Amino acid sequence: MLPDVPPTLLGGAPNFRAVAPFPAADGRRLKPGILYRSGELSRLSEADVALEGTDASPAKIFALILRDPTPRGARLAMDTLYRRKPRAYAPQLGSLFSNLLRGGALPLLIHCHAGKDRTGFFTAMLLAAAGISRDDILADYVETSRFFAAEAQAPQMAAWAEHAFGQTLDIATVLPLAEARPAYLQAAFAAIDDEFGGVETYLSHAVGVSAPELHAFRDLVLE
């Protein structure tokens, strides 16, 4: 198990952090040190590595922004992208829960390029499955802003967009993409509520997690 350490532990991955032991279902709480989240890990130092232990893809958002390459268009693109995530990532979530329930996969580190959008959604779904309140899930999501400063990241994201997708966007337009706005994650929850009536039904019908499996998952991650 990874040690109980401050969120800025890894110098090569400043957005690496432990998810706080939030209150959860049945009067329990998330186990400390059971769930970690991060951005990309390719810049870890040797010391970092030694300490760490042994239709919603990023490309889609730039296609959406081309329709309205302004800050408003960027925010609308993020809203659209997050509303697509529940359906888009249901198969991957199903695989994740299957692996967790087979045992031996905890503690768990979830990460993506920025540690914000895909990581934010997958972390939110795990926390929701554990019975953690939406207010606490949103609090965990916006905590990313402390370690992934939008103003500092926007120029890098603009350069990446031009290099990877041939799209030249000004910094003001890119800035909403680098932000961890509560409204973004709320859009994903709204899509789940509108289509399924709540997270548990979404997990059951779209992801394939049965009620007994949901209880077994909670026993794994809660104390």
C-alpha atoms as a PDB file:
ATOM      1  CA  MET A   1       0.000   0.000   0.000  1.00  0.00           C
ATOM      2  CA  LEU A   2       1.229   3.491  -0.783  1.00  0.00           C
ATOM      3  CA  PRO A   3       2.163   5.521   2.290  1.00  0.00           C
ATOM      4  CA  ASP A   4      -0.139   8.189   3.695  1.00  0.00           C
ATOM      5  CA  VAL A   5       1.546  11.236   2.170  1.00  0.00           C
ATOM      6  CA  PRO A   6       0.684  14.808   1.211  1.00  0.00           C
ATOM      7  CA  PRO A   7      -0.849  15.342  -2.253  1.00  0.00           C
ATOM      8  CA  THR A   8       2.266  17.039  -3.628  1.00  0.00           C
ATOM      9  CA  LEU A   9       4.383  13.937  -3.003  1.00  0.00           C
ATOM     10  CA  LEU A  10       5.569  13.378  -6.580  1.00  0.00           C
ATOM     11  CA  GLY A  11       7.634  16.204  -8.033  1.00  0.00           C
ATOM     12  CA  GLY A  12       7.161  14.876 -11.554  1.00  0.00           C
ATOM     13  CA  ALA A  13       3.376  14.650 -11.182  1.00  0.00           C
ATOM     14  CA  PRO A  14       2.124  17.674  -9.224  1.00  0.00           C
ATOM     15  CA  ASN A  15      -1.515  16.635  -9.690  1.00  0.00           C
ATOM     16  CA  PHE A  16      -0.914  13.294  -7.938  1.00  0.00           C
ATOM     17  CA  ARG A  17      -2.986  13.089  -4.755  1.00  0.00           C
ATOM     18  CA  ALA A  18      -4.946  10.794  -2.516  1.00  0.00           C
ATOM     19  CA  VAL A  19      -8.723  11.054  -2.468  1.00  0.00           C
ATOM     20  CA  ALA A  20      -9.810  12.166   0.999  1.00  0.00           C
ATOM     21  CA  PRO A  21     -11.608   9.660   3.280  1.00  0.00           C
ATOM     22  CA  PHE A  22     -15.054  11.171   2.661  1.00  0.00           C
ATOM     23  CA  PRO A  23     -18.144   9.994   4.594  1.00  0.00           C
ATOM     24  CA  ALA A  24     -19.890   7.304   2.564  1.00  0.00           C
ATOM     25  CA  ALA A  25     -22.769   4.833   2.636  1.00  0.00           C
ATOM     26  CA  ASP A  26     -24.151   3.269   5.811  1.00  0.00           C
ATOM     27  CA  GLY A  27     -22.284   5.611   8.136  1.00  0.00           C
ATOM     28  CA  ARG A  28     -18.900   4.422   6.875  1.00  0.00           C
ATOM     29  CA  ARG A  29     -16.135   6.359   5.107  1.00  0.00           C
ATOM     30  CA  LEU A  30     -13.690   5.839   2.279  1.00  0.00           C
ATOM     31  CA  LYS A  31     -10.595   4.028   3.462  1.00  0.00           C
ATOM     32  CA  PRO A  32      -7.551   6.326   3.633  1.00  0.00           C
ATOM     33  CA  GLY A  33      -4.958   5.485   0.990  1.00  0.00           C
ATOM     34  CA  ILE A  34      -7.342   3.334  -1.076  1.00  0.00           C
ATOM     35  CA  LEU A  35      -7.855   5.650  -4.055  1.00  0.00           C
ATOM     36  CA  TYR A  36      -5.355   7.949  -5.764  1.00  0.00           C
ATOM     37  CA  ARG A  37      -5.634  10.199  -8.807  1.00  0.00           C
ATOM     38  CA  SER A  38      -3.100  11.856 -11.056  1.00  0.00           C
ATOM     39  CA  GLY A  39      -2.221  13.385 -14.389  1.00  0.00           C
ATOM     40  CA  GLU A  40       0.214  11.748 -16.792  1.00  0.00           C
ATOM     41  CA  LEU A  41       3.173   9.998 -15.232  1.00  0.00           C
ATOM     42  CA  SER A  42       5.821  10.205 -17.952  1.00  0.00           C
ATOM     43  CA  ARG A  43       7.779  12.926 -16.132  1.00  0.00           C
ATOM     44  CA  LEU A  44       8.309  11.057 -12.884  1.00  0.00           C
ATOM     45  CA  SER A  45      11.827  11.070 -11.534  1.00  0.00           C
ATOM     46  CA  GLU A  46      13.514   7.835 -10.457  1.00  0.00           C
ATOM     47  CA  ALA A  47      12.800   8.829  -6.862  1.00  0.00           C
ATOM     48  CA  ASP A  48       9.119   9.363  -7.708  1.00  0.00           C
ATOM     49  CA  VAL A  49       8.865   5.947  -9.338  1.00  0.00           C
ATOM     50  CA  ALA A  50      10.509   4.260  -6.371  1.00  0.00           C
ATOM     51  CA  LEU A  51       8.102   5.967  -3.961  1.00  0.00           C
ATOM     52  CA  GLU A  52       4.977   5.351  -6.041  1.00  0.00           C
ATOM     53  CA  GLY A  53       5.385   1.621  -5.969  1.00  0.00           C
ATOM     54  CA  THR A  54       5.532  -1.222  -7.905  1.00  0.00           C
ATOM     55  CA  ASP A  55     -17.393   9.855 -28.588  1.00  0.00           C
ATOM     56  CA  ALA A  56     -15.623  11.509 -25.229  1.00  0.00           C
ATOM     57  CA  SER A  57     -11.954  11.474 -26.108  1.00  0.00           C
ATOM     58  CA  PRO A  58      -9.764  14.618 -25.894  1.00  0.00           C
ATOM     59  CA  ALA A  59      -9.755  14.862 -29.694  1.00  0.00           C
ATOM     60  CA  LYS A  60     -13.527  15.259 -29.708  1.00  0.00           C
ATOM     61  CA  ILE A  61     -13.479  18.474 -27.734  1.00  0.00           C
ATOM     62  CA  PHE A  62     -11.398  20.268 -30.339  1.00  0.00           C
ATOM     63  CA  ALA A  63     -13.784  19.185 -33.071  1.00  0.00           C
ATOM     64  CA  LEU A  64     -16.615  20.690 -31.023  1.00  0.00           C
ATOM     65  CA  ILE A  65     -14.751  23.938 -30.394  1.00  0.00           C
ATOM     66  CA  LEU A  66     -14.243  24.473 -34.113  1.00  0.00           C
ATOM     67  CA  ARG A  67     -17.973  25.193 -34.336  1.00  0.00           C
ATOM     68  CA  ASP A  68     -17.523  28.178 -32.006  1.00  0.00           C
ATOM     69  CA  PRO A  69     -13.830  28.921 -31.267  1.00  0.00           C
ATOM     70  CA  THR A  70     -14.544  31.278 -28.359  1.00  0.00           C
ATOM     71  CA  PRO A  71     -14.516  30.894 -24.556  1.00  0.00           C
ATOM     72  CA  ARG A  72     -18.291  30.386 -24.694  1.00  0.00           C
ATOM     73  CA  GLY A  73     -17.845  27.679 -27.311  1.00  0.00           C
ATOM     74  CA  ALA A  74     -15.190  26.002 -25.190  1.00  0.00           C
ATOM     75  CA  ARG A  75     -17.500  25.893 -22.177  1.00  0.00           C
ATOM     76  CA  LEU A  76     -20.314  24.457 -24.282  1.00  0.00           C
ATOM     77  CA  ALA A  77     -17.903  21.867 -25.685  1.00  0.00           C
ATOM     78  CA  MET A  78     -16.905  20.819 -22.169  1.00  0.00           C
ATOM     79  CA  ASP A  79     -20.572  20.524 -21.184  1.00  0.00           C
ATOM     80  CA  THR A  80     -21.255  18.350 -24.234  1.00  0.00           C
ATOM     81  CA  LEU A  81     -18.189  16.226 -23.609  1.00  0.00           C
ATOM     82  CA  TYR A  82     -19.103  15.565 -19.978  1.00  0.00           C
ATOM     83  CA  ARG A  83     -22.672  14.659 -20.905  1.00  0.00           C
ATOM     84  CA  ARG A  84     -21.260  12.048 -23.277  1.00  0.00           C
ATOM     85  CA  LYS A  85     -18.956  10.487 -20.711  1.00  0.00           C
ATOM     86  CA  PRO A  86     -21.450   8.194 -18.925  1.00  0.00           C
ATOM     87  CA  ARG A  87     -22.362   6.345 -22.128  1.00  0.00           C
ATOM     88  CA  ALA A  88     -18.912   6.596 -23.684  1.00  0.00           C
ATOM     89  CA  TYR A  89     -17.058   5.137 -20.702  1.00  0.00           C
ATOM     90  CA  ALA A  90     -19.605   2.600 -19.458  1.00  0.00           C
ATOM     91  CA  PRO A  91     -17.663  -0.371 -20.938  1.00  0.00           C
ATOM     92  CA  GLN A  92     -14.401   0.773 -19.359  1.00  0.00           C
ATOM     93  CA  LEU A  93     -16.146   1.301 -16.036  1.00  0.00           C
ATOM     94  CA  GLY A  94     -17.542  -2.209 -16.274  1.00  0.00           C
ATOM     95  CA  SER A  95     -14.051  -3.613 -16.762  1.00  0.00           C
ATOM     96  CA  LEU A  96     -12.739  -1.520 -13.877  1.00  0.00           C
ATOM     97  CA  PHE A  97     -15.385  -2.758 -11.457  1.00  0.00           C
ATOM     98  CA  SER A  98     -14.836  -6.359 -12.590  1.00  0.00           C
ATOM     99  CA  ASN A  99     -11.125  -6.112 -11.895  1.00  0.00           C
ATOM    100  CA  LEU A 100     -11.687  -4.474  -8.524  1.00  0.00           C
ATOM    101  CA  LEU A 101     -14.184  -7.119  -7.474  1.00  0.00           C
ATOM    102  CA  ARG A 102     -11.793  -9.924  -8.428  1.00  0.00           C
ATOM    103  CA  GLY A 103      -9.434  -8.589  -5.771  1.00  0.00           C
ATOM    104  CA  GLY A 104      -5.816  -7.526  -5.722  1.00  0.00           C
ATOM    105  CA  ALA A 105      -6.394  -4.212  -7.523  1.00  0.00           C
ATOM    106  CA  LEU A 106      -6.384  -1.905  -4.504  1.00  0.00           C
ATOM    107  CA  PRO A 107      -5.042   0.630  -3.725  1.00  0.00           C
ATOM    108  CA  LEU A 108      -5.987   2.088  -7.103  1.00  0.00           C
ATOM    109  CA  LEU A 109      -4.453   4.956  -9.073  1.00  0.00           C
ATOM    110  CA  ILE A 110      -6.607   6.577 -11.753  1.00  0.00           C
ATOM    111  CA  HIS A 111      -4.837   8.885 -14.170  1.00  0.00           C
ATOM    112  CA  CYS A 112      -5.068  10.471 -17.599  1.00  0.00           C
ATOM    113  CA  HIS A 113      -3.147  13.215 -19.417  1.00  0.00           C
ATOM    114  CA  ALA A 114      -4.228  16.086 -17.146  1.00  0.00           C
ATOM    115  CA  GLY A 115      -5.722  14.137 -14.252  1.00  0.00           C
ATOM    116  CA  LYS A 116      -8.867  16.249 -14.582  1.00  0.00           C
ATOM    117  CA  ASP A 117     -11.539  15.124 -17.054  1.00  0.00           C
ATOM    118  CA  ARG A 118     -11.357  11.356 -17.616  1.00  0.00           C
ATOM    119  CA  THR A 119      -9.753  10.924 -14.205  1.00  0.00           C
ATOM    120  CA  GLY A 120     -12.402  13.202 -12.702  1.00  0.00           C
ATOM    121  CA  PHE A 121     -15.256  11.219 -14.212  1.00  0.00           C
ATOM    122  CA  PHE A 122     -13.942   7.772 -13.269  1.00  0.00           C
ATOM    123  CA  THR A 123     -13.125   8.945  -9.748  1.00  0.00           C
ATOM    124  CA  ALA A 124     -16.584  10.464  -9.421  1.00  0.00           C
ATOM    125  CA  MET A 125     -18.253   7.226 -10.449  1.00  0.00           C
ATOM    126  CA  LEU A 126     -16.231   5.192  -7.958  1.00  0.00           C
ATOM    127  CA  LEU A 127     -17.026   7.634  -5.178  1.00  0.00           C
ATOM    128  CA  ALA A 128     -20.704   7.692  -6.121  1.00  0.00           C
ATOM    129  CA  ALA A 129     -20.753   3.883  -6.128  1.00  0.00           C
ATOM    130  CA  ALA A 130     -19.314   4.012  -2.615  1.00  0.00           C
ATOM    131  CA  GLY A 131     -22.245   6.161  -1.501  1.00  0.00           C
ATOM    132  CA  ILE A 132     -20.297   9.412  -1.124  1.00  0.00           C
ATOM    133  CA  SER A 133     -22.367  12.565  -1.493  1.00  0.00           C
ATOM    134  CA  ARG A 134     -22.307  14.616  -4.664  1.00  0.00           C
ATOM    135  CA  ASP A 135     -21.184  17.643  -2.720  1.00  0.00           C
ATOM    136  CA  ASP A 136     -18.079  15.766  -1.569  1.00  0.00           C
ATOM    137  CA  ILE A 137     -17.512  14.329  -5.045  1.00  0.00           C
ATOM    138  CA  LEU A 138     -17.629  17.833  -6.511  1.00  0.00           C
ATOM    139  CA  ALA A 139     -15.282  19.039  -3.778  1.00  0.00           C
ATOM    140  CA  ASP A 140     -12.775  16.366  -4.779  1.00  0.00           C
ATOM    141  CA  TYR A 141     -13.147  17.328  -8.437  1.00  0.00           C
ATOM    142  CA  VAL A 142     -12.506  21.053  -7.953  1.00  0.00           C
ATOM    143  CA  GLU A 143      -9.547  20.273  -5.688  1.00  0.00           C
ATOM    144  CA  THR A 144      -7.708  19.625  -8.942  1.00  0.00           C
ATOM    145  CA  SER A 145      -7.563  23.388  -9.446  1.00  0.00           C
ATOM    146  CA  ARG A 146      -5.038  23.613  -6.603  1.00  0.00           C
ATOM    147  CA  PHE A 147      -2.549  21.418  -8.450  1.00  0.00           C
ATOM    148  CA  PHE A 148      -3.493  21.967 -12.104  1.00  0.00           C
ATOM    149  CA  ALA A 149      -3.535  25.743 -12.399  1.00  0.00           C
ATOM    150  CA  ALA A 150      -5.608  26.632 -15.458  1.00  0.00           C
ATOM    151  CA  GLU A 151      -3.710  29.850 -16.222  1.00  0.00           C
ATOM    152  CA  ALA A 152      -0.400  27.974 -16.278  1.00  0.00           C
ATOM    153  CA  GLN A 153      -1.735  24.986 -18.222  1.00  0.00           C
ATOM    154  CA  ALA A 154      -3.705  26.834 -20.916  1.00  0.00           C
ATOM    155  CA  PRO A 155      -0.648  27.812 -23.042  1.00  0.00           C
ATOM    156  CA  GLN A 156       0.582  24.215 -22.963  1.00  0.00           C
ATOM    157  CA  MET A 157      -2.863  22.943 -23.959  1.00  0.00           C
ATOM    158  CA  ALA A 158      -3.012  25.446 -26.826  1.00  0.00           C
ATOM    159  CA  ALA A 159       0.385  24.275 -28.065  1.00  0.00           C
ATOM    160  CA  TRP A 160      -0.679  20.640 -27.736  1.00  0.00           C
ATOM    161  CA  ALA A 161      -3.897  21.300 -29.684  1.00  0.00           C
ATOM    162  CA  GLU A 162      -1.941  22.889 -32.515  1.00  0.00           C
ATOM    163  CA  HIS A 163       0.669  20.129 -32.588  1.00  0.00           C
ATOM    164  CA  ALA A 164      -1.739  17.201 -32.239  1.00  0.00           C
ATOM    165  CA  PHE A 165      -4.787  18.441 -34.110  1.00  0.00           C
ATOM    166  CA  GLY A 166      -3.589  21.352 -36.213  1.00  0.00           C
ATOM    167  CA  GLN A 167      -5.951  23.756 -34.443  1.00  0.00           C
ATOM    168  CA  THR A 168      -4.770  27.220 -33.464  1.00  0.00           C
ATOM    169  CA  LEU A 169      -6.741  28.529 -30.477  1.00  0.00           C
ATOM    170  CA  ASP A 170      -6.117  31.628 -28.398  1.00  0.00           C
ATOM    171  CA  ILE A 171      -5.434  31.321 -24.674  1.00  0.00           C
ATOM    172  CA  ALA A 172      -8.822  32.785 -23.666  1.00  0.00           C
ATOM    173  CA  THR A 173     -10.571  30.042 -25.628  1.00  0.00           C
ATOM    174  CA  VAL A 174      -8.375  27.273 -24.247  1.00  0.00           C
ATOM    175  CA  LEU A 175      -8.646  28.436 -20.618  1.00  0.00           C
ATOM    176  CA  PRO A 176     -12.084  26.823 -19.970  1.00  0.00           C
ATOM    177  CA  LEU A 177     -10.624  23.498 -21.119  1.00  0.00           C
ATOM    178  CA  ALA A 178      -7.987  23.671 -18.400  1.00  0.00           C
ATOM    179  CA  GLU A 179     -10.445  24.551 -15.631  1.00  0.00           C
ATOM    180  CA  ALA A 180     -12.094  22.108 -13.233  1.00  0.00           C
ATOM    181  CA  ARG A 181     -15.481  23.803 -13.079  1.00  0.00           C
ATOM    182  CA  PRO A 182     -18.135  22.091 -10.945  1.00  0.00           C
ATOM    183  CA  ALA A 183     -20.593  22.609 -13.806  1.00  0.00           C
ATOM    184  CA  TYR A 184     -18.601  20.205 -15.978  1.00  0.00           C
ATOM    185  CA  LEU A 185     -18.939  17.233 -13.653  1.00  0.00           C
ATOM    186  CA  GLN A 186     -22.501  18.249 -12.818  1.00  0.00           C
ATOM    187  CA  ALA A 187     -23.280  17.892 -16.528  1.00  0.00           C
ATOM    188  CA  ALA A 188     -22.224  14.236 -16.386  1.00  0.00           C
ATOM    189  CA  PHE A 189     -24.416  13.650 -13.346  1.00  0.00           C
ATOM    190  CA  ALA A 190     -27.301  15.437 -15.076  1.00  0.00           C
ATOM    191  CA  ALA A 191     -26.974  13.100 -18.062  1.00  0.00           C
ATOM    192  CA  ILE A 192     -27.034  10.102 -15.711  1.00  0.00           C
ATOM    193  CA  ASP A 193     -30.066  11.431 -13.847  1.00  0.00           C
ATOM    194  CA  ASP A 194     -31.938  12.271 -17.046  1.00  0.00           C
ATOM    195  CA  GLU A 195     -31.325   8.933 -18.735  1.00  0.00           C
ATOM    196  CA  PHE A 196     -31.163   6.513 -15.815  1.00  0.00           C
ATOM    197  CA  GLY A 197     -32.690   8.249 -12.812  1.00  0.00           C
ATOM    198  CA  GLY A 198     -29.519   8.063 -10.726  1.00  0.00           C
ATOM    199  CA  VAL A 199     -26.069   6.573 -10.403  1.00  0.00           C
ATOM    200  CA  GLU A 200     -27.067   3.186  -9.000  1.00  0.00           C
ATOM    201  CA  THR A 201     -29.393   2.533 -11.948  1.00  0.00           C
ATOM    202  CA  TYR A 202     -26.697   3.731 -14.336  1.00  0.00           C
ATOM    203  CA  LEU A 203     -24.190   1.367 -12.742  1.00  0.00           C
ATOM    204  CA  SER A 204     -26.656  -1.496 -12.968  1.00  0.00           C
ATOM    205  CA  HIS A 205     -28.083  -0.942 -16.459  1.00  0.00           C
ATOM    206  CA  ALA A 206     -25.189   0.635 -18.376  1.00  0.00           C
ATOM    207  CA  VAL A 207     -22.076  -0.489 -16.507  1.00  0.00           C
ATOM    208  CA  GLY A 208     -23.290  -3.933 -15.425  1.00  0.00           C
ATOM    209  CA  VAL A 209     -22.706  -3.725 -11.671  1.00  0.00           C
ATOM    210  CA  SER A 210     -25.349  -5.729  -9.811  1.00  0.00           C
ATOM    211  CA  ALA A 211     -26.660  -4.803  -6.376  1.00  0.00           C
ATOM    212  CA  PRO A 212     -24.629  -7.569  -4.665  1.00  0.00           C
ATOM    213  CA  GLU A 213     -21.520  -6.427  -6.549  1.00  0.00           C
ATOM    214  CA  LEU A 214     -22.149  -2.844  -5.484  1.00  0.00           C
ATOM    215  CA  HIS A 215     -22.273  -3.942  -1.838  1.00  0.00           C
ATOM    216  CA  ALA A 216     -19.113  -6.002  -2.328  1.00  0.00           C
ATOM    217  CA  PHE A 217     -17.375  -2.975  -3.831  1.00  0.00           C
ATOM    218  CA  ARG A 218     -18.351  -0.865  -0.829  1.00  0.00           C
ATOM    219  CA  ASP A 219     -16.936  -3.470   1.506  1.00  0.00           C
ATOM    220  CA  LEU A 220     -13.637  -3.237  -0.374  1.00  0.00           C
ATOM    221  CA  VAL A 221     -13.260   0.541  -0.256  1.00  0.00           C
ATOM    222  CA  LEU A 222     -15.055   1.591   2.921  1.00  0.00           C
ATOM    223  CA  GLU A 223     -14.274   1.210   6.584  1.00  0.00           C
END
